[in-house]
Full PDB file with SEQRES, HELIX, SHEET, SSBOND, CRYST1, ORIGX, SCALE, CONECT and MASTER records, all heavy atoms in Angstrom:
SEQRES   1 A   38  SER GLY VAL MET LYS PRO VAL LEU PRO LEU SER VAL TYR          
SEQRES   2 A   38  VAL GLY LEU LEU ILE SER GLN PRO ASP PHE GLY VAL THR          
SEQRES   3 A   38  VAL VAL LEU MET CYS THR VAL MET GLY MET VAL PHE              
HELIX    1 AA1 VAL A    7  SER A   19  1                                  13    
HELIX    2 AA2 PHE A   23  VAL A   37  1                                  15    
CRYST1    1.000    1.000    1.000  90.00  90.00  90.00 P 1           1          
ORIGX1      1.000000  0.000000  0.000000        0.00000                         
ORIGX2      0.000000  1.000000  0.000000        0.00000                         
ORIGX3      0.000000  0.000000  1.000000        0.00000                         
SCALE1      1.000000  0.000000  0.000000        0.00000                         
SCALE2      0.000000  1.000000  0.000000        0.00000                         
SCALE3      0.000000  0.000000  1.000000        0.00000                         
ATOM      1  N   SER A   1       4.094  13.291   4.144  1.00  0.00           N  
ATOM      2  CA  SER A   1       3.320  12.100   3.779  1.00  0.00           C  
ATOM      3  C   SER A   1       3.449  11.790   2.297  1.00  0.00           C  
ATOM      4  O   SER A   1       3.533  10.630   1.897  1.00  0.00           O  
ATOM      5  CB  SER A   1       1.848  12.296   4.156  1.00  0.00           C  
ATOM      6  OG  SER A   1       1.284  13.389   3.426  1.00  0.00           O  
ATOM      7  N   GLY A   2       3.475  12.855   1.467  1.00  0.00           N  
ATOM      8  CA  GLY A   2       3.631  12.631   0.034  1.00  0.00           C  
ATOM      9  C   GLY A   2       4.972  12.022  -0.308  1.00  0.00           C  
ATOM     10  O   GLY A   2       5.092  11.221  -1.245  1.00  0.00           O  
ATOM     11  N   VAL A   3       6.017  12.378   0.460  1.00  0.00           N  
ATOM     12  CA  VAL A   3       7.350  11.831   0.222  1.00  0.00           C  
ATOM     13  C   VAL A   3       7.456  10.395   0.707  1.00  0.00           C  
ATOM     14  O   VAL A   3       8.112   9.552   0.072  1.00  0.00           O  
ATOM     15  CB  VAL A   3       8.412  12.713   0.916  1.00  0.00           C  
ATOM     16  CG1 VAL A   3       9.797  12.085   0.821  1.00  0.00           C  
ATOM     17  CG2 VAL A   3       8.425  14.106   0.309  1.00  0.00           C  
ATOM     18  N   MET A   4       6.805  10.087   1.831  1.00  0.00           N  
ATOM     19  CA  MET A   4       6.990   8.781   2.469  1.00  0.00           C  
ATOM     20  C   MET A   4       6.075   7.688   1.927  1.00  0.00           C  
ATOM     21  O   MET A   4       6.365   6.512   2.120  1.00  0.00           O  
ATOM     22  CB  MET A   4       6.774   8.924   3.977  1.00  0.00           C  
ATOM     23  CG  MET A   4       7.756   9.867   4.662  1.00  0.00           C  
ATOM     24  SD  MET A   4       9.497   9.483   4.309  1.00  0.00           S  
ATOM     25  CE  MET A   4       9.639   7.891   5.122  1.00  0.00           C  
ATOM     26  N   LYS A   5       4.995   8.044   1.263  1.00  0.00           N  
ATOM     27  CA  LYS A   5       4.071   7.011   0.770  1.00  0.00           C  
ATOM     28  C   LYS A   5       4.725   6.021  -0.194  1.00  0.00           C  
ATOM     29  O   LYS A   5       4.415   4.824  -0.153  1.00  0.00           O  
ATOM     30  CB  LYS A   5       2.850   7.665   0.125  1.00  0.00           C  
ATOM     31  CG  LYS A   5       1.854   8.222   1.138  1.00  0.00           C  
ATOM     32  CD  LYS A   5       0.664   8.865   0.443  1.00  0.00           C  
ATOM     33  CE  LYS A   5      -0.327   9.436   1.472  1.00  0.00           C  
ATOM     34  NZ  LYS A   5      -1.471  10.111   0.827  1.00  0.00           N  
ATOM     35  N   PRO A   6       5.612   6.462  -1.100  1.00  0.00           N  
ATOM     36  CA  PRO A   6       6.269   5.473  -1.977  1.00  0.00           C  
ATOM     37  C   PRO A   6       7.178   4.508  -1.237  1.00  0.00           C  
ATOM     38  O   PRO A   6       7.609   3.508  -1.817  1.00  0.00           O  
ATOM     39  CB  PRO A   6       7.084   6.350  -2.946  1.00  0.00           C  
ATOM     40  CG  PRO A   6       6.493   7.707  -2.862  1.00  0.00           C  
ATOM     41  CD  PRO A   6       5.964   7.845  -1.474  1.00  0.00           C  
ATOM     42  N   VAL A   7       7.486   4.810   0.041  1.00  0.00           N  
ATOM     43  CA  VAL A   7       8.381   3.935   0.800  1.00  0.00           C  
ATOM     44  C   VAL A   7       7.766   2.550   0.997  1.00  0.00           C  
ATOM     45  O   VAL A   7       8.485   1.542   1.038  1.00  0.00           O  
ATOM     46  CB  VAL A   7       8.725   4.577   2.165  1.00  0.00           C  
ATOM     47  CG1 VAL A   7       9.499   3.604   3.051  1.00  0.00           C  
ATOM     48  CG2 VAL A   7       9.526   5.853   1.950  1.00  0.00           C  
ATOM     49  N   LEU A   8       6.440   2.479   1.110  1.00  0.00           N  
ATOM     50  CA  LEU A   8       5.792   1.184   1.356  1.00  0.00           C  
ATOM     51  C   LEU A   8       6.012   0.194   0.216  1.00  0.00           C  
ATOM     52  O   LEU A   8       6.544  -0.905   0.448  1.00  0.00           O  
ATOM     53  CB  LEU A   8       4.296   1.381   1.625  1.00  0.00           C  
ATOM     54  CG  LEU A   8       3.493   0.105   1.873  1.00  0.00           C  
ATOM     55  CD1 LEU A   8       4.042  -0.646   3.076  1.00  0.00           C  
ATOM     56  CD2 LEU A   8       2.009   0.422   2.064  1.00  0.00           C  
ATOM     57  N   PRO A   9       5.639   0.522  -1.034  1.00  0.00           N  
ATOM     58  CA  PRO A   9       5.921  -0.456  -2.105  1.00  0.00           C  
ATOM     59  C   PRO A   9       7.413  -0.681  -2.307  1.00  0.00           C  
ATOM     60  O   PRO A   9       7.838  -1.802  -2.617  1.00  0.00           O  
ATOM     61  CB  PRO A   9       5.280   0.169  -3.351  1.00  0.00           C  
ATOM     62  CG  PRO A   9       5.155   1.619  -3.032  1.00  0.00           C  
ATOM     63  CD  PRO A   9       4.928   1.694  -1.558  1.00  0.00           C  
ATOM     64  N   LEU A  10       8.214   0.372  -2.111  1.00  0.00           N  
ATOM     65  CA  LEU A  10       9.657   0.202  -2.249  1.00  0.00           C  
ATOM     66  C   LEU A  10      10.199  -0.753  -1.189  1.00  0.00           C  
ATOM     67  O   LEU A  10      11.058  -1.593  -1.486  1.00  0.00           O  
ATOM     68  CB  LEU A  10      10.350   1.558  -2.140  1.00  0.00           C  
ATOM     69  CG  LEU A  10      11.883   1.540  -2.203  1.00  0.00           C  
ATOM     70  CD1 LEU A  10      12.359   0.994  -3.544  1.00  0.00           C  
ATOM     71  CD2 LEU A  10      12.452   2.936  -1.960  1.00  0.00           C  
ATOM     72  N   SER A  11       9.669  -0.662   0.033  1.00  0.00           N  
ATOM     73  CA  SER A  11      10.115  -1.553   1.111  1.00  0.00           C  
ATOM     74  C   SER A  11       9.793  -3.006   0.800  1.00  0.00           C  
ATOM     75  O   SER A  11      10.588  -3.912   1.101  1.00  0.00           O  
ATOM     76  CB  SER A  11       9.470  -1.143   2.435  1.00  0.00           C  
ATOM     77  OG  SER A  11       9.819   0.181   2.783  1.00  0.00           O  
ATOM     78  N   VAL A  12       8.620  -3.244   0.201  1.00  0.00           N  
ATOM     79  CA  VAL A  12       8.248  -4.609  -0.180  1.00  0.00           C  
ATOM     80  C   VAL A  12       9.232  -5.152  -1.210  1.00  0.00           C  
ATOM     81  O   VAL A  12       9.734  -6.280  -1.089  1.00  0.00           O  
ATOM     82  CB  VAL A  12       6.808  -4.647  -0.729  1.00  0.00           C  
ATOM     83  CG1 VAL A  12       6.476  -6.045  -1.261  1.00  0.00           C  
ATOM     84  CG2 VAL A  12       5.812  -4.244   0.348  1.00  0.00           C  
ATOM     85  N   TYR A  13       9.527  -4.344  -2.225  1.00  0.00           N  
ATOM     86  CA  TYR A  13      10.482  -4.763  -3.250  1.00  0.00           C  
ATOM     87  C   TYR A  13      11.862  -5.020  -2.637  1.00  0.00           C  
ATOM     88  O   TYR A  13      12.530  -6.016  -2.956  1.00  0.00           O  
ATOM     89  CB  TYR A  13      10.585  -3.694  -4.336  1.00  0.00           C  
ATOM     90  CG  TYR A  13       9.641  -3.870  -5.489  1.00  0.00           C  
ATOM     91  CD1 TYR A  13       8.296  -4.182  -5.279  1.00  0.00           C  
ATOM     92  CD2 TYR A  13      10.060  -3.726  -6.801  1.00  0.00           C  
ATOM     93  CE1 TYR A  13       7.418  -4.340  -6.338  1.00  0.00           C  
ATOM     94  CE2 TYR A  13       9.204  -3.878  -7.870  1.00  0.00           C  
ATOM     95  CZ  TYR A  13       7.887  -4.183  -7.638  1.00  0.00           C  
ATOM     96  OH  TYR A  13       7.028  -4.345  -8.690  1.00  0.00           O  
ATOM     97  N   VAL A  14      12.302  -4.100  -1.765  1.00  0.00           N  
ATOM     98  CA  VAL A  14      13.623  -4.238  -1.145  1.00  0.00           C  
ATOM     99  C   VAL A  14      13.695  -5.513  -0.310  1.00  0.00           C  
ATOM    100  O   VAL A  14      14.686  -6.253  -0.366  1.00  0.00           O  
ATOM    101  CB  VAL A  14      13.939  -2.995  -0.284  1.00  0.00           C  
ATOM    102  CG1 VAL A  14      15.145  -3.259   0.625  1.00  0.00           C  
ATOM    103  CG2 VAL A  14      14.203  -1.796  -1.170  1.00  0.00           C  
ATOM    104  N   GLY A  15      12.644  -5.788   0.456  1.00  0.00           N  
ATOM    105  CA  GLY A  15      12.622  -7.012   1.259  1.00  0.00           C  
ATOM    106  C   GLY A  15      12.723  -8.262   0.413  1.00  0.00           C  
ATOM    107  O   GLY A  15      13.463  -9.202   0.753  1.00  0.00           O  
ATOM    108  N   LEU A  16      12.006  -8.290  -0.707  1.00  0.00           N  
ATOM    109  CA  LEU A  16      12.048  -9.450  -1.594  1.00  0.00           C  
ATOM    110  C   LEU A  16      13.409  -9.575  -2.285  1.00  0.00           C  
ATOM    111  O   LEU A  16      13.922 -10.685  -2.484  1.00  0.00           O  
ATOM    112  CB  LEU A  16      10.938  -9.347  -2.641  1.00  0.00           C  
ATOM    113  CG  LEU A  16       9.502  -9.464  -2.094  1.00  0.00           C  
ATOM    114  CD1 LEU A  16       8.481  -9.160  -3.175  1.00  0.00           C  
ATOM    115  CD2 LEU A  16       9.264 -10.861  -1.530  1.00  0.00           C  
ATOM    116  N   LEU A  17      14.006  -8.444  -2.648  1.00  0.00           N  
ATOM    117  CA  LEU A  17      15.314  -8.478  -3.300  1.00  0.00           C  
ATOM    118  C   LEU A  17      16.400  -8.952  -2.336  1.00  0.00           C  
ATOM    119  O   LEU A  17      17.285  -9.732  -2.717  1.00  0.00           O  
ATOM    120  CB  LEU A  17      15.664  -7.087  -3.846  1.00  0.00           C  
ATOM    121  CG  LEU A  17      14.895  -6.646  -5.095  1.00  0.00           C  
ATOM    122  CD1 LEU A  17      15.136  -5.168  -5.359  1.00  0.00           C  
ATOM    123  CD2 LEU A  17      15.303  -7.467  -6.312  1.00  0.00           C  
ATOM    124  N   ILE A  18      16.342  -8.499  -1.097  1.00  0.00           N  
ATOM    125  CA  ILE A  18      17.334  -8.927  -0.108  1.00  0.00           C  
ATOM    126  C   ILE A  18      17.187 -10.414   0.181  1.00  0.00           C  
ATOM    127  O   ILE A  18      18.163 -11.114   0.475  1.00  0.00           O  
ATOM    128  CB  ILE A  18      17.181  -8.102   1.183  1.00  0.00           C  
ATOM    129  CG1 ILE A  18      17.603  -6.650   0.933  1.00  0.00           C  
ATOM    130  CG2 ILE A  18      18.009  -8.690   2.309  1.00  0.00           C  
ATOM    131  CD1 ILE A  18      19.042  -6.480   0.522  1.00  0.00           C  
ATOM    132  N   SER A  19      15.964 -10.936   0.062  1.00  0.00           N  
ATOM    133  CA  SER A  19      15.743 -12.363   0.325  1.00  0.00           C  
ATOM    134  C   SER A  19      16.376 -13.240  -0.751  1.00  0.00           C  
ATOM    135  O   SER A  19      16.592 -14.429  -0.530  1.00  0.00           O  
ATOM    136  CB  SER A  19      14.235 -12.654   0.416  1.00  0.00           C  
ATOM    137  OG  SER A  19      13.645 -11.914   1.462  1.00  0.00           O  
ATOM    138  N   GLN A  20      16.675 -12.687  -1.925  1.00  0.00           N  
ATOM    139  CA  GLN A  20      17.171 -13.534  -3.017  1.00  0.00           C  
ATOM    140  C   GLN A  20      18.601 -14.062  -2.825  1.00  0.00           C  
ATOM    141  O   GLN A  20      18.832 -15.210  -3.239  1.00  0.00           O  
ATOM    142  CB  GLN A  20      17.059 -12.748  -4.331  1.00  0.00           C  
ATOM    143  CG  GLN A  20      15.625 -12.475  -4.712  1.00  0.00           C  
ATOM    144  CD  GLN A  20      15.499 -11.736  -6.042  1.00  0.00           C  
ATOM    145  OE1 GLN A  20      16.475 -11.489  -6.759  1.00  0.00           O  
ATOM    146  NE2 GLN A  20      14.287 -11.364  -6.388  1.00  0.00           N  
ATOM    147  N   PRO A  21      19.637 -13.414  -2.371  1.00  0.00           N  
ATOM    148  CA  PRO A  21      19.765 -11.974  -2.115  1.00  0.00           C  
ATOM    149  C   PRO A  21      20.311 -11.247  -3.343  1.00  0.00           C  
ATOM    150  O   PRO A  21      21.060 -11.811  -4.135  1.00  0.00           O  
ATOM    151  CB  PRO A  21      20.793 -11.939  -0.988  1.00  0.00           C  
ATOM    152  CG  PRO A  21      21.669 -13.120  -1.242  1.00  0.00           C  
ATOM    153  CD  PRO A  21      20.813 -14.164  -1.925  1.00  0.00           C  
ATOM    154  N   ASP A  22      19.943  -9.950  -3.477  1.00  0.00           N  
ATOM    155  CA  ASP A  22      20.414  -9.138  -4.589  1.00  0.00           C  
ATOM    156  C   ASP A  22      20.647  -7.717  -4.081  1.00  0.00           C  
ATOM    157  O   ASP A  22      19.820  -6.822  -4.269  1.00  0.00           O  
ATOM    158  CB  ASP A  22      19.397  -9.135  -5.731  1.00  0.00           C  
ATOM    159  CG  ASP A  22      20.013  -8.682  -7.045  1.00  0.00           C  
ATOM    160  OD1 ASP A  22      21.053  -8.009  -6.990  1.00  0.00           O  
ATOM    161  OD2 ASP A  22      19.455  -8.996  -8.106  1.00  0.00           O  
ATOM    162  N   PHE A  23      21.772  -7.530  -3.414  1.00  0.00           N  
ATOM    163  CA  PHE A  23      22.070  -6.255  -2.769  1.00  0.00           C  
ATOM    164  C   PHE A  23      22.334  -5.157  -3.796  1.00  0.00           C  
ATOM    165  O   PHE A  23      21.971  -3.996  -3.590  1.00  0.00           O  
ATOM    166  CB  PHE A  23      23.281  -6.407  -1.847  1.00  0.00           C  
ATOM    167  CG  PHE A  23      23.574  -5.191  -1.010  1.00  0.00           C  
ATOM    168  CD1 PHE A  23      22.714  -4.799   0.000  1.00  0.00           C  
ATOM    169  CD2 PHE A  23      24.713  -4.444  -1.240  1.00  0.00           C  
ATOM    170  CE1 PHE A  23      22.987  -3.678   0.765  1.00  0.00           C  
ATOM    171  CE2 PHE A  23      24.997  -3.331  -0.482  1.00  0.00           C  
ATOM    172  CZ  PHE A  23      24.132  -2.936   0.524  1.00  0.00           C  
ATOM    173  N   GLY A  24      22.955  -5.493  -4.922  1.00  0.00           N  
ATOM    174  CA  GLY A  24      23.271  -4.502  -5.939  1.00  0.00           C  
ATOM    175  C   GLY A  24      22.031  -3.857  -6.523  1.00  0.00           C  
ATOM    176  O   GLY A  24      21.938  -2.624  -6.616  1.00  0.00           O  
ATOM    177  N   VAL A  25      21.056  -4.682  -6.944  1.00  0.00           N  
ATOM    178  CA  VAL A  25      19.812  -4.146  -7.492  1.00  0.00           C  
ATOM    179  C   VAL A  25      19.059  -3.356  -6.430  1.00  0.00           C  
ATOM    180  O   VAL A  25      18.412  -2.347  -6.728  1.00  0.00           O  
ATOM    181  CB  VAL A  25      18.943  -5.287  -8.051  1.00  0.00           C  
ATOM    182  CG1 VAL A  25      17.563  -4.774  -8.449  1.00  0.00           C  
ATOM    183  CG2 VAL A  25      19.619  -5.930  -9.256  1.00  0.00           C  
ATOM    184  N   THR A  26      19.140  -3.795  -5.175  1.00  0.00           N  
ATOM    185  CA  THR A  26      18.481  -3.070  -4.089  1.00  0.00           C  
ATOM    186  C   THR A  26      19.008  -1.645  -3.994  1.00  0.00           C  
ATOM    187  O   THR A  26      18.227  -0.689  -3.890  1.00  0.00           O  
ATOM    188  CB  THR A  26      18.707  -3.794  -2.746  1.00  0.00           C  
ATOM    189  OG1 THR A  26      18.176  -5.116  -2.832  1.00  0.00           O  
ATOM    190  CG2 THR A  26      18.032  -3.050  -1.615  1.00  0.00           C  
ATOM    191  N   VAL A  27      20.322  -1.485  -4.035  1.00  0.00           N  
ATOM    192  CA  VAL A  27      20.924  -0.155  -3.954  1.00  0.00           C  
ATOM    193  C   VAL A  27      20.518   0.701  -5.151  1.00  0.00           C  
ATOM    194  O   VAL A  27      20.152   1.876  -5.002  1.00  0.00           O  
ATOM    195  CB  VAL A  27      22.456  -0.268  -3.852  1.00  0.00           C  
ATOM    196  CG1 VAL A  27      23.111   1.108  -3.968  1.00  0.00           C  
ATOM    197  CG2 VAL A  27      22.861  -0.940  -2.556  1.00  0.00           C  
ATOM    198  N   VAL A  28      20.566   0.124  -6.358  1.00  0.00           N  
ATOM    199  CA  VAL A  28      20.189   0.864  -7.559  1.00  0.00           C  
ATOM    200  C   VAL A  28      18.733   1.314  -7.487  1.00  0.00           C  
ATOM    201  O   VAL A  28      18.401   2.471  -7.809  1.00  0.00           O  
ATOM    202  CB  VAL A  28      20.423   0.005  -8.812  1.00  0.00           C  
ATOM    203  CG1 VAL A  28      19.817   0.671 -10.048  1.00  0.00           C  
ATOM    204  CG2 VAL A  28      21.907  -0.233  -9.036  1.00  0.00           C  
ATOM    205  N   LEU A  29      17.844   0.427  -7.039  1.00  0.00           N  
ATOM    206  CA  LEU A  29      16.422   0.760  -6.978  1.00  0.00           C  
ATOM    207  C   LEU A  29      16.156   1.849  -5.942  1.00  0.00           C  
ATOM    208  O   LEU A  29      15.371   2.780  -6.199  1.00  0.00           O  
ATOM    209  CB  LEU A  29      15.620  -0.503  -6.642  1.00  0.00           C  
ATOM    210  CG  LEU A  29      14.099  -0.414  -6.844  1.00  0.00           C  
ATOM    211  CD1 LEU A  29      13.769  -0.056  -8.283  1.00  0.00           C  
ATOM    212  CD2 LEU A  29      13.440  -1.728  -6.456  1.00  0.00           C  
ATOM    213  N   MET A  30      16.775   1.761  -4.782  1.00  0.00           N  
ATOM    214  CA  MET A  30      16.590   2.779  -3.750  1.00  0.00           C  
ATOM    215  C   MET A  30      17.084   4.145  -4.230  1.00  0.00           C  
ATOM    216  O   MET A  30      16.401   5.162  -4.054  1.00  0.00           O  
ATOM    217  CB  MET A  30      17.321   2.367  -2.469  1.00  0.00           C  
ATOM    218  CG  MET A  30      16.704   1.183  -1.754  1.00  0.00           C  
ATOM    219  SD  MET A  30      17.697   0.603  -0.347  1.00  0.00           S  
ATOM    220  CE  MET A  30      17.678   2.028   0.723  1.00  0.00           C  
ATOM    221  N   CYS A  31      18.247   4.173  -4.853  1.00  0.00           N  
ATOM    222  CA  CYS A  31      18.782   5.437  -5.362  1.00  0.00           C  
ATOM    223  C   CYS A  31      17.912   6.002  -6.482  1.00  0.00           C  
ATOM    224  O   CYS A  31      17.715   7.225  -6.569  1.00  0.00           O  
ATOM    225  CB  CYS A  31      20.207   5.230  -5.877  1.00  0.00           C  
ATOM    226  SG  CYS A  31      21.414   4.857  -4.578  1.00  0.00           S  
ATOM    227  N   THR A  32      17.371   5.121  -7.320  1.00  0.00           N  
ATOM    228  CA  THR A  32      16.511   5.568  -8.419  1.00  0.00           C  
ATOM    229  C   THR A  32      15.248   6.229  -7.898  1.00  0.00           C  
ATOM    230  O   THR A  32      14.872   7.319  -8.355  1.00  0.00           O  
ATOM    231  CB  THR A  32      16.156   4.375  -9.318  1.00  0.00           C  
ATOM    232  OG1 THR A  32      17.338   3.845  -9.913  1.00  0.00           O  
ATOM    233  CG2 THR A  32      15.187   4.797 -10.418  1.00  0.00           C  
ATOM    234  N   VAL A  33      14.588   5.597  -6.950  1.00  0.00           N  
ATOM    235  CA  VAL A  33      13.359   6.163  -6.399  1.00  0.00           C  
ATOM    236  C   VAL A  33      13.643   7.485  -5.689  1.00  0.00           C  
ATOM    237  O   VAL A  33      12.911   8.469  -5.860  1.00  0.00           O  
ATOM    238  CB  VAL A  33      12.685   5.158  -5.437  1.00  0.00           C  
ATOM    239  CG1 VAL A  33      11.508   5.812  -4.710  1.00  0.00           C  
ATOM    240  CG2 VAL A  33      12.202   3.935  -6.213  1.00  0.00           C  
ATOM    241  N   MET A  34      14.710   7.544  -4.904  1.00  0.00           N  
ATOM    242  CA  MET A  34      15.056   8.796  -4.221  1.00  0.00           C  
ATOM    243  C   MET A  34      15.360   9.895  -5.236  1.00  0.00           C  
ATOM    244  O   MET A  34      14.954  11.054  -5.056  1.00  0.00           O  
ATOM    245  CB  MET A  34      16.251   8.581  -3.297  1.00  0.00           C  
ATOM    246  CG  MET A  34      15.923   7.857  -2.010  1.00  0.00           C  
ATOM    247  SD  MET A  34      17.260   7.956  -0.780  1.00  0.00           S  
ATOM    248  CE  MET A  34      18.524   6.994  -1.593  1.00  0.00           C  
ATOM    249  N   GLY A  35      16.064   9.546  -6.318  1.00  0.00           N  
ATOM    250  CA  GLY A  35      16.373  10.537  -7.342  1.00  0.00           C  
ATOM    251  C   GLY A  35      15.128  11.048  -8.038  1.00  0.00           C  
ATOM    252  O   GLY A  35      15.006  12.261  -8.303  1.00  0.00           O  
ATOM    253  N   MET A  36      14.187  10.163  -8.341  1.00  0.00           N  
ATOM    254  CA  MET A  36      12.948  10.577  -8.996  1.00  0.00           C  
ATOM    255  C   MET A  36      12.143  11.506  -8.104  1.00  0.00           C  
ATOM    256  O   MET A  36      11.619  12.534  -8.562  1.00  0.00           O  
ATOM    257  CB  MET A  36      12.121   9.342  -9.377  1.00  0.00           C  
ATOM    258  CG  MET A  36      12.726   8.490 -10.470  1.00  0.00           C  
ATOM    259  SD  MET A  36      11.783   6.969 -10.762  1.00  0.00           S  
ATOM    260  CE  MET A  36      10.254   7.644 -11.443  1.00  0.00           C  
ATOM    261  N   VAL A  37      12.011  11.151  -6.831  1.00  0.00           N  
ATOM    262  CA  VAL A  37      11.244  11.982  -5.898  1.00  0.00           C  
ATOM    263  C   VAL A  37      11.914  13.348  -5.729  1.00  0.00           C  
ATOM    264  O   VAL A  37      11.247  14.383  -5.674  1.00  0.00           O  
ATOM    265  CB  VAL A  37      11.079  11.272  -4.544  1.00  0.00           C  
ATOM    266  CG1 VAL A  37      10.372  12.177  -3.550  1.00  0.00           C  
ATOM    267  CG2 VAL A  37      10.283   9.974  -4.717  1.00  0.00           C  
ATOM    268  N   PHE A  38      13.250  13.365  -5.669  1.00  0.00           N  
ATOM    269  CA  PHE A  38      13.958  14.629  -5.525  1.00  0.00           C  
ATOM    270  C   PHE A  38      13.729  15.524  -6.736  1.00  0.00           C  
ATOM    271  O   PHE A  38      13.454  16.727  -6.597  1.00  0.00           O  
ATOM    272  CB  PHE A  38      15.450  14.370  -5.341  1.00  0.00           C  
ATOM    273  CG  PHE A  38      16.277  15.620  -5.315  1.00  0.00           C  
ATOM    274  CD1 PHE A  38      16.205  16.497  -4.242  1.00  0.00           C  
ATOM    275  CD2 PHE A  38      17.121  15.927  -6.379  1.00  0.00           C  
ATOM    276  CE1 PHE A  38      16.963  17.662  -4.223  1.00  0.00           C  
ATOM    277  CE2 PHE A  38      17.879  17.079  -6.363  1.00  0.00           C  
ATOM    278  CZ  PHE A  38      17.800  17.950  -5.282  1.00  0.00           C  
TER     279      PHE A  38                                                      
MASTER        0    0    0    2    0    0    0    6  278    1    0    3          
END                                                                             
């Protein structure tokens, strides 16, 4: 649960970024959050 809770705000950001669309920033942001949690 501690690992998955940040997924909610990240999912909101990812959804908004894909709507622009901005796939590059989406990938960078997802990798950044995963790296920080790791």
